[in-house]
C-alpha atoms as a PDB file:
ATOM      1  CA  MET A   1      -3.932  -2.585 236.342  1.00  0.00           C
ATOM      2  CA  ALA A   2      -6.718  -1.364 234.100  1.00  0.00           C
ATOM      3  CA  ASP A   3      -8.707   1.580 235.443  1.00  0.00           C
ATOM      4  CA  THR A   4     -11.910   0.924 233.542  1.00  0.00           C
ATOM      5  CA  PRO A   5     -14.796  -1.022 235.054  1.00  0.00           C
ATOM      6  CA  PRO A   6     -15.768  -4.422 233.733  1.00  0.00           C
ATOM      7  CA  ARG A   7     -18.538  -4.344 231.189  1.00  0.00           C
ATOM      8  CA  ARG A   8     -21.972  -5.029 232.675  1.00  0.00           C
ATOM      9  CA  PRO A   9     -24.271  -7.516 230.946  1.00  0.00           C
ATOM     10  CA  GLY A  10     -26.173  -5.806 228.158  1.00  0.00           C
ATOM     11  CA  SER A  11     -25.369  -2.522 226.509  1.00  0.00           C
ATOM     12  CA  SER A  12     -25.703   0.719 228.422  1.00  0.00           C
ATOM     13  CA  GLU A  13     -28.422   1.804 226.028  1.00  0.00           C
ATOM     14  CA  ALA A  14     -30.581  -1.256 226.620  1.00  0.00           C
ATOM     15  CA  GLN A  15     -33.978  -0.560 228.165  1.00  0.00           C
ATOM     16  CA  ASP A  16     -34.924  -2.707 231.147  1.00  0.00           C
ATOM     17  CA  PRO A  17     -38.393  -4.009 230.269  1.00  0.00           C
ATOM     18  CA  ALA A  18     -39.271  -4.474 233.936  1.00  0.00           C
ATOM     19  CA  ALA A  19     -38.265  -0.982 235.005  1.00  0.00           C
ATOM     20  CA  PRO A  20     -40.864   1.745 235.542  1.00  0.00           C
ATOM     21  CA  PRO A  21     -40.656   5.057 233.709  1.00  0.00           C
ATOM     22  CA  CYS A  22     -38.021   7.451 235.000  1.00  0.00           C
ATOM     23  CA  ALA A  23     -39.315  10.090 237.370  1.00  0.00           C
ATOM     24  CA  ALA A  24     -38.591  12.737 234.781  1.00  0.00           C
ATOM     25  CA  ASP A  25     -41.076  10.991 232.497  1.00  0.00           C
ATOM     26  CA  VAL A  26     -43.867  10.857 235.071  1.00  0.00           C
ATOM     27  CA  PRO A  27     -46.558  13.359 234.063  1.00  0.00           C
ATOM     28  CA  HIS A  28     -47.452  16.065 236.578  1.00  0.00           C
ATOM     29  CA  ASP A  29     -51.131  15.230 236.795  1.00  0.00           C
ATOM     30  CA  THR A  30     -53.515  15.776 239.664  1.00  0.00           C
ATOM     31  CA  ASP A  31     -51.665  13.225 241.791  1.00  0.00           C
ATOM     32  CA  VAL A  32     -48.307  14.974 241.411  1.00  0.00           C
ATOM     33  CA  PRO A  33     -48.319  18.502 242.874  1.00  0.00           C
ATOM     34  CA  HIS A  34     -46.337  21.369 241.499  1.00  0.00           C
ATOM     35  CA  GLU A  35     -43.984  22.951 244.012  1.00  0.00           C
ATOM     36  CA  THR A  36     -46.312  25.939 244.350  1.00  0.00           C
ATOM     37  CA  ASP A  37     -48.945  23.640 245.843  1.00  0.00           C
ATOM     38  CA  VAL A  38     -47.011  23.280 249.113  1.00  0.00           C
ATOM     39  CA  PRO A  39     -45.945  25.932 251.641  1.00  0.00           C
ATOM     40  CA  HIS A  40     -42.574  27.607 251.174  1.00  0.00           C
ATOM     41  CA  ASP A  41     -42.133  29.122 254.634  1.00  0.00           C
ATOM     42  CA  THR A  42     -43.353  28.782 258.189  1.00  0.00           C
ATOM     43  CA  ASP A  43     -45.292  32.068 258.201  1.00  0.00           C
ATOM     44  CA  VAL A  44     -48.278  30.399 256.546  1.00  0.00           C
ATOM     45  CA  PRO A  45     -50.317  27.471 257.825  1.00  0.00           C
ATOM     46  CA  HIS A  46     -48.969  24.096 256.801  1.00  0.00           C
ATOM     47  CA  ASP A  47     -51.069  22.654 254.007  1.00  0.00           C
ATOM     48  CA  THR A  48     -50.023  19.104 254.820  1.00  0.00           C
ATOM     49  CA  ASP A  49     -49.882  17.130 258.034  1.00  0.00           C
ATOM     50  CA  LEU A  50     -46.984  14.869 257.154  1.00  0.00           C
ATOM     51  CA  ILE A  51     -43.968  14.970 254.852  1.00  0.00           C
ATOM     52  CA  VAL A  52     -42.810  11.499 253.824  1.00  0.00           C
ATOM     53  CA  ILE A  53     -39.327  11.240 252.322  1.00  0.00           C
ATOM     54  CA  GLY A  54     -38.846   8.089 250.249  1.00  0.00           C
ATOM     55  CA  GLY A  55     -41.315   6.367 247.938  1.00  0.00           C
ATOM     56  CA  GLY A  56     -40.471   2.730 248.667  1.00  0.00           C
ATOM     57  CA  PRO A  57     -42.639   0.240 250.576  1.00  0.00           C
ATOM     58  CA  ALA A  58     -42.153   2.027 253.914  1.00  0.00           C
ATOM     59  CA  GLY A  59     -42.937   5.489 252.587  1.00  0.00           C
ATOM     60  CA  CYS A  60     -45.934   4.279 250.596  1.00  0.00           C
ATOM     61  CA  ALA A  61     -47.300   2.433 253.634  1.00  0.00           C
ATOM     62  CA  ALA A  62     -46.875   5.610 255.681  1.00  0.00           C
ATOM     63  CA  VAL A  63     -48.988   7.748 253.341  1.00  0.00           C
ATOM     64  CA  ARG A  64     -51.682   5.078 253.050  1.00  0.00           C
ATOM     65  CA  THR A  65     -51.936   4.752 256.824  1.00  0.00           C
ATOM     66  CA  ALA A  66     -51.884   8.517 257.250  1.00  0.00           C
ATOM     67  CA  ALA A  67     -54.791   8.855 254.839  1.00  0.00           C
ATOM     68  CA  GLY A  68     -56.674   6.185 256.758  1.00  0.00           C
ATOM     69  CA  VAL A  69     -56.694   8.407 259.859  1.00  0.00           C
ATOM     70  CA  GLY A  70     -57.435  11.598 257.943  1.00  0.00           C
ATOM     71  CA  MET A  71     -53.903  12.993 257.654  1.00  0.00           C
ATOM     72  CA  ARG A  72     -52.788  14.742 254.491  1.00  0.00           C
ATOM     73  CA  SER A  73     -49.294  13.975 253.230  1.00  0.00           C
ATOM     74  CA  VAL A  74     -46.711  14.904 250.611  1.00  0.00           C
ATOM     75  CA  LEU A  75     -44.600  11.980 249.401  1.00  0.00           C
ATOM     76  CA  ILE A  76     -41.192  12.963 247.984  1.00  0.00           C
ATOM     77  CA  ASP A  77     -38.947  10.695 245.935  1.00  0.00           C
ATOM     78  CA  PRO A  78     -36.259  11.404 243.325  1.00  0.00           C
ATOM     79  CA  ASP A  79     -37.478   8.568 241.127  1.00  0.00           C
ATOM     80  CA  ALA A  80     -40.591   6.508 240.457  1.00  0.00           C
ATOM     81  CA  LEU A  81     -42.533   4.934 243.315  1.00  0.00           C
ATOM     82  CA  CYS A  82     -41.086   1.617 244.542  1.00  0.00           C
ATOM     83  CA  ARG A  83     -38.295   1.814 241.998  1.00  0.00           C
ATOM     84  CA  ASN A  84     -36.173  -0.876 243.673  1.00  0.00           C
ATOM     85  CA  LEU A  85     -39.021  -3.385 243.698  1.00  0.00           C
ATOM     86  CA  TYR A  86     -38.901  -3.468 239.915  1.00  0.00           C
ATOM     87  CA  ARG A  87     -35.436  -5.018 240.239  1.00  0.00           C
ATOM     88  CA  ILE A  88     -36.676  -7.991 242.267  1.00  0.00           C
ATOM     89  CA  PRO A  89     -37.759 -10.691 239.808  1.00  0.00           C
ATOM     90  CA  ALA A  90     -39.240 -13.153 242.309  1.00  0.00           C
ATOM     91  CA  LEU A  91     -40.955 -12.835 245.693  1.00  0.00           C
ATOM     92  CA  ASN A  92     -42.016 -15.504 248.137  1.00  0.00           C
ATOM     93  CA  ASN A  93     -42.201 -13.627 251.439  1.00  0.00           C
ATOM     94  CA  VAL A  94     -44.949 -11.012 251.084  1.00  0.00           C
ATOM     95  CA  LEU A  95     -48.691 -11.099 251.613  1.00  0.00           C
ATOM     96  CA  GLY A  96     -51.210 -10.422 248.873  1.00  0.00           C
ATOM     97  CA  GLY A  97     -50.305 -13.130 246.380  1.00  0.00           C
ATOM     98  CA  HIS A  98     -47.624 -11.097 244.586  1.00  0.00           C
ATOM     99  CA  THR A  99     -44.853 -13.311 243.271  1.00  0.00           C
ATOM    100  CA  SER A 100     -42.654 -10.672 241.632  1.00  0.00           C
ATOM    101  CA  GLY A 101     -41.333  -7.253 242.561  1.00  0.00           C
ATOM    102  CA  PRO A 102     -42.853  -5.502 239.527  1.00  0.00           C
ATOM    103  CA  ALA A 103     -46.327  -6.864 240.327  1.00  0.00           C
ATOM    104  CA  LEU A 104     -46.099  -5.669 243.911  1.00  0.00           C
ATOM    105  CA  ALA A 105     -44.666  -2.300 242.864  1.00  0.00           C
ATOM    106  CA  ASP A 106     -47.465  -1.741 240.363  1.00  0.00           C
ATOM    107  CA  ALA A 107     -50.078  -2.523 243.005  1.00  0.00           C
ATOM    108  CA  ILE A 108     -48.510  -0.220 245.599  1.00  0.00           C
ATOM    109  CA  ALA A 109     -48.035   2.646 243.141  1.00  0.00           C
ATOM    110  CA  ALA A 110     -51.641   2.378 241.977  1.00  0.00           C
ATOM    111  CA  GLU A 111     -52.901   2.583 245.552  1.00  0.00           C
ATOM    112  CA  VAL A 112     -50.745   5.611 246.336  1.00  0.00           C
ATOM    113  CA  ARG A 113     -51.866   7.415 243.191  1.00  0.00           C
ATOM    114  CA  GLY A 114     -55.463   6.705 244.179  1.00  0.00           C
ATOM    115  CA  THR A 115     -55.021   8.091 247.702  1.00  0.00           C
ATOM    116  CA  GLU A 116     -56.732  11.481 247.661  1.00  0.00           C
ATOM    117  CA  LEU A 117     -55.051  12.765 250.824  1.00  0.00           C
ATOM    118  CA  CYS A 118     -51.570  11.992 249.476  1.00  0.00           C
ATOM    119  CA  ARG A 119     -49.811  14.174 246.922  1.00  0.00           C
ATOM    120  CA  PRO A 120     -46.727  12.474 245.395  1.00  0.00           C
ATOM    121  CA  LEU A 121     -43.888  14.812 244.482  1.00  0.00           C
ATOM    122  CA  LEU A 122     -41.674  12.704 242.214  1.00  0.00           C
ATOM    123  CA  GLY A 123     -38.426  13.652 240.541  1.00  0.00           C
ATOM    124  CA  ARG A 124     -37.345  15.761 243.531  1.00  0.00           C
ATOM    125  CA  ARG A 125     -34.610  14.996 246.062  1.00  0.00           C
ATOM    126  CA  VAL A 126     -34.535  16.190 249.663  1.00  0.00           C
ATOM    127  CA  VAL A 127     -31.119  17.693 250.338  1.00  0.00           C
ATOM    128  CA  GLU A 128     -31.739  18.849 253.894  1.00  0.00           C
ATOM    129  CA  LEU A 129     -34.118  17.989 256.734  1.00  0.00           C
ATOM    130  CA  ARG A 130     -34.511  20.146 259.822  1.00  0.00           C
ATOM    131  CA  GLY A 131     -36.545  19.609 262.954  1.00  0.00           C
ATOM    132  CA  HIS A 132     -37.868  22.647 264.812  1.00  0.00           C
ATOM    133  CA  ASP A 133     -39.891  23.093 267.983  1.00  0.00           C
ATOM    134  CA  ASP A 134     -43.233  23.196 266.198  1.00  0.00           C
ATOM    135  CA  HIS A 135     -42.578  21.826 262.697  1.00  0.00           C
ATOM    136  CA  THR A 136     -40.185  20.087 260.330  1.00  0.00           C
ATOM    137  CA  ALA A 137     -38.733  21.634 257.181  1.00  0.00           C
ATOM    138  CA  VAL A 138     -37.207  20.017 254.120  1.00  0.00           C
ATOM    139  CA  THR A 139     -35.252  21.657 251.330  1.00  0.00           C
ATOM    140  CA  LEU A 140     -35.455  20.144 247.848  1.00  0.00           C
ATOM    141  CA  ASP A 141     -32.748  20.028 245.213  1.00  0.00           C
ATOM    142  CA  THR A 142     -34.601  22.860 243.458  1.00  0.00           C
ATOM    143  CA  GLY A 143     -34.214  25.113 246.508  1.00  0.00           C
ATOM    144  CA  THR A 144     -37.890  24.824 247.412  1.00  0.00           C
ATOM    145  CA  ARG A 145     -38.601  24.588 251.145  1.00  0.00           C
ATOM    146  CA  LEU A 146     -41.553  22.554 252.432  1.00  0.00           C
ATOM    147  CA  THR A 147     -42.894  22.359 255.980  1.00  0.00           C
ATOM    148  CA  ALA A 148     -45.180  20.095 258.003  1.00  0.00           C
ATOM    149  CA  PRO A 149     -45.699  19.312 261.675  1.00  0.00           C
ATOM    150  CA  TYR A 150     -43.986  15.906 261.279  1.00  0.00           C
ATOM    151  CA  ALA A 151     -41.750  14.095 258.810  1.00  0.00           C
ATOM    152  CA  VAL A 152     -41.241  10.396 258.128  1.00  0.00           C
ATOM    153  CA  VAL A 153     -37.856   9.494 256.644  1.00  0.00           C
ATOM    154  CA  ALA A 154     -37.892   6.230 254.689  1.00  0.00           C
ATOM    155  CA  THR A 155     -35.071   6.682 252.174  1.00  0.00           C
ATOM    156  CA  GLY A 156     -33.804   3.126 252.637  1.00  0.00           C
ATOM    157  CA  VAL A 157     -30.452   1.814 251.466  1.00  0.00           C
ATOM    158  CA  GLY A 158     -28.352   1.565 248.328  1.00  0.00           C
ATOM    159  CA  PRO A 159     -25.915  -1.134 247.165  1.00  0.00           C
ATOM    160  CA  LEU A 160     -22.397  -1.199 248.538  1.00  0.00           C
ATOM    161  CA  GLN A 161     -19.628  -1.026 245.933  1.00  0.00           C
ATOM    162  CA  PRO A 162     -16.160  -2.658 245.830  1.00  0.00           C
ATOM    163  CA  GLY A 163     -14.502   0.450 247.248  1.00  0.00           C
ATOM    164  CA  ASP A 164     -16.748   0.329 250.318  1.00  0.00           C
ATOM    165  CA  VAL A 165     -15.365  -2.900 251.778  1.00  0.00           C
ATOM    166  CA  PRO A 166     -11.822  -3.762 252.915  1.00  0.00           C
ATOM    167  CA  TRP A 167     -11.637  -7.237 251.376  1.00  0.00           C
ATOM    168  CA  ILE A 168     -11.791  -5.979 247.760  1.00  0.00           C
ATOM    169  CA  THR A 169      -9.107  -4.019 245.934  1.00  0.00           C
ATOM    170  CA  ALA A 170     -10.441  -2.444 242.738  1.00  0.00           C
ATOM    171  CA  PRO A 171      -9.818   0.514 240.406  1.00  0.00           C
ATOM    172  CA  GLY A 172     -10.725   3.793 242.083  1.00  0.00           C
ATOM    173  CA  GLY A 173     -14.309   4.870 241.574  1.00  0.00           C
ATOM    174  CA  LEU A 174     -15.388   1.523 240.154  1.00  0.00           C
ATOM    175  CA  THR A 175     -19.181   1.063 240.219  1.00  0.00           C
ATOM    176  CA  LEU A 176     -20.735  -2.301 239.395  1.00  0.00           C
ATOM    177  CA  PRO A 177     -24.440  -3.121 238.944  1.00  0.00           C
ATOM    178  CA  PRO A 178     -26.217  -5.230 241.570  1.00  0.00           C
ATOM    179  CA  LEU A 179     -26.890  -8.826 240.532  1.00  0.00           C
ATOM    180  CA  GLN A 180     -30.649  -8.228 240.432  1.00  0.00           C
ATOM    181  CA  GLN A 181     -30.071  -5.823 237.545  1.00  0.00           C
ATOM    182  CA  ALA A 182     -28.467  -8.511 235.368  1.00  0.00           C
ATOM    183  CA  ASP A 183     -30.374  -9.119 232.147  1.00  0.00           C
ATOM    184  CA  PRO A 184     -31.185 -12.857 232.316  1.00  0.00           C
ATOM    185  CA  ASP A 185     -31.325 -13.222 228.539  1.00  0.00           C
ATOM    186  CA  HIS A 186     -27.946 -11.578 228.041  1.00  0.00           C
ATOM    187  CA  ALA A 187     -26.461 -13.554 230.939  1.00  0.00           C
ATOM    188  CA  GLU A 188     -27.680 -16.898 229.577  1.00  0.00           C
ATOM    189  CA  GLY A 189     -24.767 -19.298 229.160  1.00  0.00           C
ATOM    190  CA  ARG A 190     -22.258 -16.799 230.545  1.00  0.00           C
ATOM    191  CA  THR A 191     -20.176 -16.713 233.716  1.00  0.00           C
ATOM    192  CA  LEU A 192     -20.781 -13.880 236.163  1.00  0.00           C
ATOM    193  CA  LEU A 193     -18.471 -12.990 239.023  1.00  0.00           C
ATOM    194  CA  VAL A 194     -20.586 -11.970 242.009  1.00  0.00           C
ATOM    195  CA  LEU A 195     -18.817 -10.003 244.723  1.00  0.00           C
ATOM    196  CA  GLY A 196     -20.392 -10.739 248.086  1.00  0.00           C
ATOM    197  CA  GLY A 197     -22.824 -13.382 249.273  1.00  0.00           C
ATOM    198  CA  ASP A 198     -25.866 -11.280 250.108  1.00  0.00           C
ATOM    199  CA  ARG A 199     -29.369 -12.727 249.748  1.00  0.00           C
ATOM    200  CA  PRO A 200     -30.313 -11.276 246.317  1.00  0.00           C
ATOM    201  CA  ILE A 201     -28.265 -14.123 244.813  1.00  0.00           C
ATOM    202  CA  GLY A 202     -30.891 -16.608 245.933  1.00  0.00           C
ATOM    203  CA  THR A 203     -33.620 -14.352 244.587  1.00  0.00           C
ATOM    204  CA  PHE A 204     -31.927 -14.251 241.182  1.00  0.00           C
ATOM    205  CA  LEU A 205     -31.605 -18.034 241.043  1.00  0.00           C
ATOM    206  CA  ARG A 206     -35.226 -18.633 242.082  1.00  0.00           C
ATOM    207  CA  ALA A 207     -36.460 -16.147 239.514  1.00  0.00           C
ATOM    208  CA  HIS A 208     -34.577 -17.919 236.709  1.00  0.00           C
ATOM    209  CA  PRO A 209     -34.622 -21.619 237.592  1.00  0.00           C
ATOM    210  CA  ALA A 210     -33.788 -22.749 234.056  1.00  0.00           C
ATOM    211  CA  THR A 211     -30.972 -20.310 233.344  1.00  0.00           C
ATOM    212  CA  ALA A 212     -27.597 -21.739 232.352  1.00  0.00           C
ATOM    213  CA  THR A 213     -25.800 -18.727 233.824  1.00  0.00           C
ATOM    214  CA  ARG A 214     -22.893 -19.714 236.036  1.00  0.00           C
ATOM    215  CA  LEU A 215     -22.241 -17.659 239.170  1.00  0.00           C
ATOM    216  CA  LEU A 216     -18.811 -17.427 240.774  1.00  0.00           C
ATOM    217  CA  VAL A 217     -19.645 -16.083 244.222  1.00  0.00           C
ATOM    218  CA  ALA A 218     -16.672 -14.567 246.031  1.00  0.00           C
ATOM    219  CA  TYR A 219     -17.605 -13.789 249.624  1.00  0.00           C
ATOM    220  CA  PRO A 220     -15.937 -12.833 252.921  1.00  0.00           C
ATOM    221  CA  GLU A 221     -16.207 -14.850 256.114  1.00  0.00           C
ATOM    222  CA  ALA A 222     -18.972 -12.569 257.408  1.00  0.00           C
ATOM    223  CA  ASP A 223     -21.256 -13.750 254.567  1.00  0.00           C
ATOM    224  CA  THR A 224     -20.841 -17.468 255.274  1.00  0.00           C
ATOM    225  CA  TYR A 225     -24.296 -17.836 256.803  1.00  0.00           C
ATOM    226  CA  LYS A 226     -25.894 -15.982 253.881  1.00  0.00           C
ATOM    227  CA  VAL A 227     -24.631 -18.382 251.195  1.00  0.00           C
ATOM    228  CA  GLU A 228     -26.116 -21.472 252.830  1.00  0.00           C
ATOM    229  CA  GLU A 229     -29.303 -21.153 250.760  1.00  0.00           C
ATOM    230  CA  ILE A 230     -27.353 -21.279 247.465  1.00  0.00           C
ATOM    231  CA  ARG A 231     -24.638 -23.749 248.448  1.00  0.00           C
ATOM    232  CA  ASP A 232     -26.271 -26.731 246.753  1.00  0.00           C
ATOM    233  CA  ASP A 233     -27.251 -24.978 243.526  1.00  0.00           C
ATOM    234  CA  PRO A 234     -25.194 -26.527 240.692  1.00  0.00           C
ATOM    235  CA  ARG A 235     -24.979 -23.160 238.928  1.00  0.00           C
ATOM    236  CA  VAL A 236     -23.052 -21.654 241.848  1.00  0.00           C
ATOM    237  CA  THR A 237     -19.356 -21.950 242.648  1.00  0.00           C
ATOM    238  CA  LEU A 238     -18.582 -20.588 246.112  1.00  0.00           C
ATOM    239  CA  LEU A 239     -15.231 -18.859 246.597  1.00  0.00           C
ATOM    240  CA  PRO A 240     -14.432 -18.054 250.244  1.00  0.00           C
ATOM    241  CA  VAL A 241     -12.181 -15.003 250.101  1.00  0.00           C
ATOM    242  CA  GLY A 242      -9.641 -13.389 252.359  1.00  0.00           C
ATOM    243  CA  GLN A 243      -8.702 -10.713 249.816  1.00  0.00           C
ATOM    244  CA  LEU A 244      -9.706 -10.140 246.190  1.00  0.00           C
ATOM    245  CA  THR A 245      -8.099  -7.851 243.610  1.00  0.00           C
ATOM    246  CA  LEU A 246     -10.304  -6.985 240.645  1.00  0.00           C
ATOM    247  CA  TYR A 247      -9.152  -6.093 237.122  1.00  0.00           C
ATOM    248  CA  ALA A 248     -10.755  -5.421 233.782  1.00  0.00           C
ATOM    249  CA  SER A 249      -9.514  -8.036 231.314  1.00  0.00           C
ATOM    250  CA  GLU A 250      -9.144  -8.023 227.561  1.00  0.00           C
ATOM    251  CA  GLY A 251     -12.300  -8.474 225.530  1.00  0.00           C
ATOM    252  CA  GLY A 252     -14.549  -6.713 228.022  1.00  0.00           C
ATOM    253  CA  GLY A 253     -14.502  -9.411 230.686  1.00  0.00           C
ATOM    254  CA  VAL A 254     -13.192  -9.308 234.217  1.00  0.00           C
ATOM    255  CA  ALA A 255     -10.371 -11.031 236.082  1.00  0.00           C
ATOM    256  CA  ALA A 256      -9.670 -11.292 239.788  1.00  0.00           C
ATOM    257  CA  ASP A 257      -6.787 -12.492 241.917  1.00  0.00           C
ATOM    258  CA  VAL A 258      -8.273 -14.325 244.869  1.00  0.00           C
ATOM    259  CA  ARG A 259      -6.400 -15.033 248.076  1.00  0.00           C
ATOM    260  CA  SER A 260      -8.173 -17.571 250.252  1.00  0.00           C
ATOM    261  CA  ARG A 261      -8.512 -17.253 254.003  1.00  0.00           C
ATOM    262  CA  GLU A 262      -5.866 -19.965 254.361  1.00  0.00           C
ATOM    263  CA  GLY A 263      -3.400 -18.034 252.197  1.00  0.00           C
ATOM    264  CA  GLY A 264      -3.885 -19.890 248.911  1.00  0.00           C
ATOM    265  CA  HIS A 265      -3.948 -17.955 245.625  1.00  0.00           C
ATOM    266  CA  ARG A 266      -5.801 -18.326 242.340  1.00  0.00           C
ATOM    267  CA  THR A 267      -6.873 -16.207 239.360  1.00  0.00           C
ATOM    268  CA  ILE A 268     -10.433 -16.369 238.076  1.00  0.00           C
ATOM    269  CA  THR A 269     -12.049 -14.883 234.980  1.00  0.00           C
ATOM    270  CA  ALA A 270     -15.662 -14.126 234.122  1.00  0.00           C
ATOM    271  CA  ASP A 271     -17.703 -12.457 231.412  1.00  0.00           C
ATOM    272  CA  ALA A 272     -18.918  -9.704 233.745  1.00  0.00           C
ATOM    273  CA  ALA A 273     -19.028  -8.716 237.412  1.00  0.00           C
ATOM    274  CA  HIS A 274     -21.878  -7.759 239.706  1.00  0.00           C
ATOM    275  CA  VAL A 275     -22.155  -6.825 243.358  1.00  0.00           C
ATOM    276  CA  SER A 276     -24.120  -8.513 246.090  1.00  0.00           C
ATOM    277  CA  ILE A 277     -22.066  -7.117 248.962  1.00  0.00           C
ATOM    278  CA  GLY A 278     -24.869  -5.622 250.950  1.00  0.00           C
ATOM    279  CA  SER A 279     -26.391  -2.209 251.417  1.00  0.00           C
ATOM    280  CA  ALA A 280     -25.547   1.171 252.893  1.00  0.00           C
ATOM    281  CA  PRO A 281     -28.044   3.676 254.283  1.00  0.00           C
ATOM    282  CA  THR A 282     -29.027   6.691 252.215  1.00  0.00           C
ATOM    283  CA  ALA A 283     -30.436   9.685 254.063  1.00  0.00           C
ATOM    284  CA  PRO A 284     -30.678  13.452 253.585  1.00  0.00           C
ATOM    285  CA  ALA A 285     -28.365  15.818 255.389  1.00  0.00           C
ATOM    286  CA  GLY A 286     -29.614  17.787 258.343  1.00  0.00           C
ATOM    287  CA  ASP A 287     -30.941  16.798 261.727  1.00  0.00           C
ATOM    288  CA  LEU A 288     -31.055  13.024 261.394  1.00  0.00           C
ATOM    289  CA  VAL A 289     -29.052  11.249 264.089  1.00  0.00           C
ATOM    290  CA  ARG A 290     -26.803   8.561 262.596  1.00  0.00           C
ATOM    291  CA  GLY A 291     -25.138   5.654 264.318  1.00  0.00           C
ATOM    292  CA  ALA A 292     -21.518   4.623 263.760  1.00  0.00           C
ATOM    293  CA  ASP A 293     -22.696   2.350 260.913  1.00  0.00           C
ATOM    294  CA  GLY A 294     -24.493   5.187 259.132  1.00  0.00           C
ATOM    295  CA  TYR A 295     -27.994   3.950 259.950  1.00  0.00           C
ATOM    296  CA  CYS A 296     -30.542   6.173 261.689  1.00  0.00           C
ATOM    297  CA  PRO A 297     -32.051   4.353 264.689  1.00  0.00           C
ATOM    298  CA  PRO A 298     -35.530   5.635 265.590  1.00  0.00           C
ATOM    299  CA  ALA A 299     -34.572   6.211 269.215  1.00  0.00           C
ATOM    300  CA  GLY A 300     -32.822   9.519 269.777  1.00  0.00           C
ATOM    301  CA  GLN A 301     -34.185  11.304 266.702  1.00  0.00           C
ATOM    302  CA  HIS A 302     -35.785  14.725 266.845  1.00  0.00           C
ATOM    303  CA  PRO A 303     -39.311  14.266 268.272  1.00  0.00           C
ATOM    304  CA  ARG A 304     -40.876  15.467 265.014  1.00  0.00           C
ATOM    305  CA  VAL A 305     -38.711  13.234 262.788  1.00  0.00           C
ATOM    306  CA  ILE A 306     -39.680   9.567 262.528  1.00  0.00           C
ATOM    307  CA  VAL A 307     -37.452   7.007 260.789  1.00  0.00           C
ATOM    308  CA  ALA A 308     -39.003   4.007 259.009  1.00  0.00           C
ATOM    309  CA  GLY A 309     -37.993   1.083 256.819  1.00  0.00           C
ATOM    310  CA  ASP A 310     -34.500  -0.148 256.018  1.00  0.00           C
ATOM    311  CA  LEU A 311     -32.924   3.116 257.144  1.00  0.00           C
ATOM    312  CA  ARG A 312     -33.437   2.069 260.779  1.00  0.00           C
ATOM    313  CA  SER A 313     -30.741  -0.632 260.927  1.00  0.00           C
ATOM    314  CA  ALA A 314     -28.931  -3.331 258.999  1.00  0.00           C
ATOM    315  CA  ARG A 315     -31.323  -5.886 260.497  1.00  0.00           C
ATOM    316  CA  PHE A 316     -34.960  -6.544 259.583  1.00  0.00           C
ATOM    317  CA  GLN A 317     -34.521  -5.368 255.992  1.00  0.00           C
ATOM    318  CA  ARG A 318     -37.538  -6.997 254.427  1.00  0.00           C
ATOM    319  CA  ILE A 319     -40.432  -5.642 252.410  1.00  0.00           C
ATOM    320  CA  MET A 320     -42.971  -6.660 255.029  1.00  0.00           C
ATOM    321  CA  THR A 321     -41.075  -5.093 257.939  1.00  0.00           C
ATOM    322  CA  ALA A 322     -40.625  -1.900 255.906  1.00  0.00           C
ATOM    323  CA  MET A 323     -44.359  -1.650 255.317  1.00  0.00           C
ATOM    324  CA  GLY A 324     -45.119  -2.255 258.974  1.00  0.00           C
ATOM    325  CA  SER A 325     -42.655   0.349 260.181  1.00  0.00           C
ATOM    326  CA  GLY A 326     -43.954   2.889 257.679  1.00  0.00           C
ATOM    327  CA  SER A 327     -47.501   2.399 258.908  1.00  0.00           C
ATOM    328  CA  GLU A 328     -46.372   2.694 262.518  1.00  0.00           C
ATOM    329  CA  ALA A 329     -44.457   5.882 261.739  1.00  0.00           C
ATOM    330  CA  ALA A 330     -47.591   7.545 260.363  1.00  0.00           C
ATOM    331  CA  LEU A 331     -49.567   6.550 263.441  1.00  0.00           C
ATOM    332  CA  ARG A 332     -46.839   7.914 265.702  1.00  0.00           C
ATOM    333  CA  ALA A 333     -47.197  11.268 263.986  1.00  0.00           C
ATOM    334  CA  TYR A 334     -50.994  11.057 264.273  1.00  0.00           C
ATOM    335  CA  TYR A 335     -50.946  10.332 268.027  1.00  0.00           C
ATOM    336  CA  ALA A 336     -48.220  12.891 268.733  1.00  0.00           C
ATOM    337  CA  ALA A 337     -50.155  15.618 266.923  1.00  0.00           C
ATOM    338  CA  ARG A 338     -53.035  14.982 269.292  1.00  0.00           C
ATOM    339  CA  GLY A 339     -50.959  14.697 272.433  1.00  0.00           C
ATOM    340  CA  LEU A 340     -51.918  11.062 272.896  1.00  0.00           C
ATOM    341  CA  PRO A 341     -49.483   8.688 274.645  1.00  0.00           C
ATOM    342  CA  LEU A 342     -48.028   5.817 272.647  1.00  0.00           C
ATOM    343  CA  GLY A 343     -48.161   3.345 275.514  1.00  0.00           C
ATOM    344  CA  GLY A 344     -51.218   1.700 277.043  1.00  0.00           C
END
């Protein structure tokens, strides 16, 4: 068995034209505070009312709502704002008339940068979150410690890889790009093996209705309901799988031995492989309470730590629900700071 991953579409040096600048390239202007602009210990008054961890739709909605009720915030993200939205080529389920992820991301980022009470801190990762009796504290990857009365955690999810699921056997440490990162021009006329039947497949097909790319979608029984929306697309071949063993093949392609749920066996080949298996929660270490599935349900968290967006559960992972939960999280912090009840 080869121990090298299949080649992804496009060279590793290729620049994604839809991607935003890397966080390291974002200038530290008046909207991006230096670390000395925020408190480093709890012996001084907090200079912000709310720390928001995660710069996706939920986190951005939280800082906008916080500003609307007069709360100052620091928004921390290791990359550019709404980075994942730039990987979604087509949208048809959000308000505001935005029909692509990049258009929506640009609009959100512009609003956040124009929010005077919010100070984005990009290019920094939170490595620890702690909840105390009268404040929350986060530690950054630089060692800097920031404090605020409340924290919203909206770090979202990342793509599952072949080694994360039991129905795929693959070389150790293999990492494949999500389907939404496939370069449509490079994929034109080629055959892509897609591992998993998650919904981004439909998004890819809607975004490129004229593409001649062929998708071989290998999916487990649990994804059967997800592939219904792509079942009738002539560019898709559905492969119900009991077990799949993945190899790198000669010439930079990929090969897989597929055992069906009924015990049948076949070998398939493709020009490249991508994942659409699903997502796994990503959250900083510390005082977050995690369920058995790794998600962080809002109930049971430290009273000064509020979870928002996709990090809450595997259900309701949509842009609109993320925005709503982020806004609600900011209001929860606002009411709690004033001793106001949430009910009635």
